[in-house]
Structure formats: structure tokens, C-alpha cells
Amino acid sequence: AEFRRRGFTEVTLWVLEENRDARKFYEKHAFHLDGGTRRYPRTSVPEVRYRIRLTVP
């Protein structure tokens, strides 16, 4: 709600690929994988990128 109130139209976040609980949480709240991947700095742990498009009131 705060992002929408401030006029944001999209939210992007990175999640550790193995963090299944976090991934389920974001998916439950309408975030979608967008195909982005990277390695977490210093440890090379894989991350995946999620996005959600917001509608502004």
C-alpha cells in the first residue's frame, strides 16, 4: 500500500534461490519471477529476481 501511495508502479526484489519460504511468500502476494538471476556478492549463492506491477489509485 505504501508503494502505491507514493506513486510507484513496480517493485523489484532479489531472493536467495534456495529460500523456498520467502519465495512462497512473495508468490502468494502476486510477485512473479521475471527471469533475472545473479550470484550474491562474496558468496556466489544464486539469487532470483521477482517483480510486481502496481496500480496507482
N, C-alpha and C. Protein backbone atom coordinates (compact mmCIF):
# COMPACT_ATOMS: atom_id res chain seq x y z
N ALA A 1 0.82 -1.19 0.00
CA ALA A 1 0.00 0.00 0.00
C ALA A 1 0.87 1.26 0.00
N GLU A 2 1.96 1.23 0.74
CA GLU A 2 2.83 2.40 0.82
C GLU A 2 3.47 2.71 -0.53
N PHE A 3 3.90 1.69 -1.24
CA PHE A 3 4.50 1.92 -2.56
C PHE A 3 3.48 2.55 -3.50
N ARG A 4 2.26 2.05 -3.48
CA ARG A 4 1.20 2.62 -4.33
C ARG A 4 0.92 4.06 -3.95
N ARG A 5 0.83 4.31 -2.65
CA ARG A 5 0.54 5.66 -2.17
C ARG A 5 1.60 6.65 -2.66
N ARG A 6 2.83 6.19 -2.72
CA ARG A 6 3.93 7.05 -3.16
C ARG A 6 4.08 7.12 -4.67
N GLY A 7 3.21 6.42 -5.38
CA GLY A 7 3.20 6.51 -6.83
C GLY A 7 4.08 5.53 -7.57
N PHE A 8 4.63 4.54 -6.87
CA PHE A 8 5.44 3.54 -7.55
C PHE A 8 4.54 2.66 -8.43
N THR A 9 5.06 2.25 -9.56
CA THR A 9 4.29 1.39 -10.46
C THR A 9 4.83 -0.03 -10.51
N GLU A 10 5.99 -0.25 -9.89
CA GLU A 10 6.61 -1.58 -9.91
C GLU A 10 7.53 -1.74 -8.70
N VAL A 11 7.60 -2.97 -8.19
CA VAL A 11 8.53 -3.31 -7.12
C VAL A 11 9.36 -4.49 -7.60
N THR A 12 10.67 -4.40 -7.42
CA THR A 12 11.59 -5.46 -7.80
C THR A 12 12.38 -5.87 -6.56
N LEU A 13 12.58 -7.18 -6.39
CA LEU A 13 13.37 -7.65 -5.26
C LEU A 13 14.12 -8.91 -5.64
N TRP A 14 15.20 -9.18 -4.90
CA TRP A 14 16.02 -10.37 -5.10
C TRP A 14 15.85 -11.29 -3.90
N VAL A 15 15.78 -12.59 -4.17
CA VAL A 15 15.62 -13.61 -3.12
C VAL A 15 16.63 -14.71 -3.38
N LEU A 16 17.23 -15.23 -2.32
CA LEU A 16 18.12 -16.37 -2.49
C LEU A 16 17.33 -17.52 -3.11
N GLU A 17 17.89 -18.12 -4.13
CA GLU A 17 17.18 -19.17 -4.87
C GLU A 17 16.70 -20.30 -3.96
N GLU A 18 17.48 -20.64 -2.96
CA GLU A 18 17.13 -21.75 -2.07
C GLU A 18 16.16 -21.38 -0.96
N ASN A 19 15.81 -20.10 -0.83
CA ASN A 19 14.93 -19.66 0.24
C ASN A 19 13.47 -19.89 -0.16
N ARG A 20 13.04 -21.12 -0.06
CA ARG A 20 11.70 -21.52 -0.51
C ARG A 20 10.59 -20.79 0.25
N ASP A 21 10.77 -20.59 1.55
CA ASP A 21 9.72 -19.90 2.32
C ASP A 21 9.52 -18.47 1.84
N ALA A 22 10.60 -17.75 1.61
CA ALA A 22 10.48 -16.38 1.12
C ALA A 22 9.86 -16.35 -0.27
N ARG A 23 10.27 -17.28 -1.11
CA ARG A 23 9.73 -17.32 -2.46
C ARG A 23 8.23 -17.61 -2.45
N LYS A 24 7.79 -18.52 -1.61
CA LYS A 24 6.35 -18.81 -1.48
C LYS A 24 5.60 -17.57 -0.99
N PHE A 25 6.19 -16.86 -0.03
CA PHE A 25 5.57 -15.65 0.50
C PHE A 25 5.34 -14.63 -0.61
N TYR A 26 6.39 -14.34 -1.38
CA TYR A 26 6.26 -13.34 -2.44
C TYR A 26 5.30 -13.80 -3.54
N GLU A 27 5.35 -15.07 -3.88
CA GLU A 27 4.42 -15.58 -4.89
C GLU A 27 2.98 -15.49 -4.41
N LYS A 28 2.77 -15.74 -3.13
CA LYS A 28 1.42 -15.62 -2.55
C LYS A 28 0.91 -14.18 -2.66
N HIS A 29 1.83 -13.22 -2.64
CA HIS A 29 1.47 -11.81 -2.70
C HIS A 29 1.63 -11.23 -4.11
N ALA A 30 1.50 -12.10 -5.11
CA ALA A 30 1.41 -11.71 -6.53
C ALA A 30 2.73 -11.29 -7.18
N PHE A 31 3.87 -11.52 -6.54
CA PHE A 31 5.15 -11.29 -7.20
C PHE A 31 5.39 -12.44 -8.17
N HIS A 32 6.08 -12.15 -9.28
CA HIS A 32 6.36 -13.16 -10.29
C HIS A 32 7.85 -13.15 -10.63
N LEU A 33 8.40 -14.33 -10.87
CA LEU A 33 9.76 -14.42 -11.38
C LEU A 33 9.82 -13.73 -12.73
N ASP A 34 10.87 -12.94 -12.95
CA ASP A 34 10.98 -12.28 -14.26
C ASP A 34 12.16 -12.81 -15.07
N GLY A 35 12.80 -13.87 -14.59
CA GLY A 35 13.90 -14.48 -15.33
C GLY A 35 15.28 -13.98 -14.93
N GLY A 36 15.33 -12.94 -14.11
CA GLY A 36 16.62 -12.41 -13.68
C GLY A 36 17.30 -13.33 -12.67
N THR A 37 18.59 -13.53 -12.84
CA THR A 37 19.38 -14.31 -11.89
C THR A 37 20.71 -13.61 -11.68
N ARG A 38 21.31 -13.85 -10.53
CA ARG A 38 22.65 -13.34 -10.24
C ARG A 38 23.21 -14.14 -9.08
N ARG A 39 24.45 -13.89 -8.76
CA ARG A 39 25.11 -14.53 -7.62
C ARG A 39 25.28 -13.49 -6.52
N TYR A 40 24.93 -13.88 -5.30
CA TYR A 40 25.07 -12.98 -4.16
C TYR A 40 26.55 -12.63 -4.00
N PRO A 41 26.87 -11.35 -3.84
CA PRO A 41 28.27 -10.94 -3.73
C PRO A 41 29.02 -11.67 -2.61
N ARG A 42 30.24 -11.98 -2.86
CA ARG A 42 31.19 -12.61 -1.92
C ARG A 42 30.96 -14.09 -1.67
N THR A 43 29.74 -14.58 -1.85
CA THR A 43 29.47 -15.99 -1.56
C THR A 43 29.08 -16.77 -2.80
N SER A 44 28.70 -16.09 -3.84
CA SER A 44 28.25 -16.71 -5.10
C SER A 44 27.00 -17.57 -4.95
N VAL A 45 26.20 -17.31 -3.92
CA VAL A 45 24.94 -18.03 -3.74
C VAL A 45 23.95 -17.50 -4.79
N PRO A 46 23.26 -18.37 -5.51
CA PRO A 46 22.33 -17.92 -6.55
C PRO A 46 21.11 -17.18 -5.99
N GLU A 47 20.74 -16.11 -6.68
CA GLU A 47 19.54 -15.34 -6.36
C GLU A 47 18.64 -15.30 -7.59
N VAL A 48 17.36 -15.11 -7.34
CA VAL A 48 16.38 -14.93 -8.42
C VAL A 48 15.63 -13.63 -8.18
N ARG A 49 15.17 -13.03 -9.28
CA ARG A 49 14.51 -11.73 -9.19
C ARG A 49 13.00 -11.87 -9.35
N TYR A 50 12.29 -11.17 -8.48
CA TYR A 50 10.83 -11.11 -8.52
C TYR A 50 10.40 -9.68 -8.78
N ARG A 51 9.24 -9.55 -9.44
CA ARG A 51 8.64 -8.23 -9.70
C ARG A 51 7.14 -8.30 -9.51
N ILE A 52 6.60 -7.13 -9.22
CA ILE A 52 5.15 -6.97 -9.21
C ILE A 52 4.85 -5.59 -9.78
N ARG A 53 3.87 -5.53 -10.63
CA ARG A 53 3.39 -4.25 -11.16
C ARG A 53 2.26 -3.77 -10.26
N LEU A 54 2.29 -2.49 -9.97
CA LEU A 54 1.29 -1.90 -9.08
C LEU A 54 0.38 -0.97 -9.86
N THR A 55 -0.85 -0.89 -9.42
CA THR A 55 -1.76 0.10 -9.98
C THR A 55 -1.82 1.26 -9.00
N VAL A 56 -1.74 2.45 -9.53
CA VAL A 56 -1.77 3.64 -8.68
C VAL A 56 -3.21 4.07 -8.51
N PRO A 57 -3.62 4.32 -7.25
CA PRO A 57 -5.02 4.72 -7.02
C PRO A 57 -5.37 6.04 -7.67
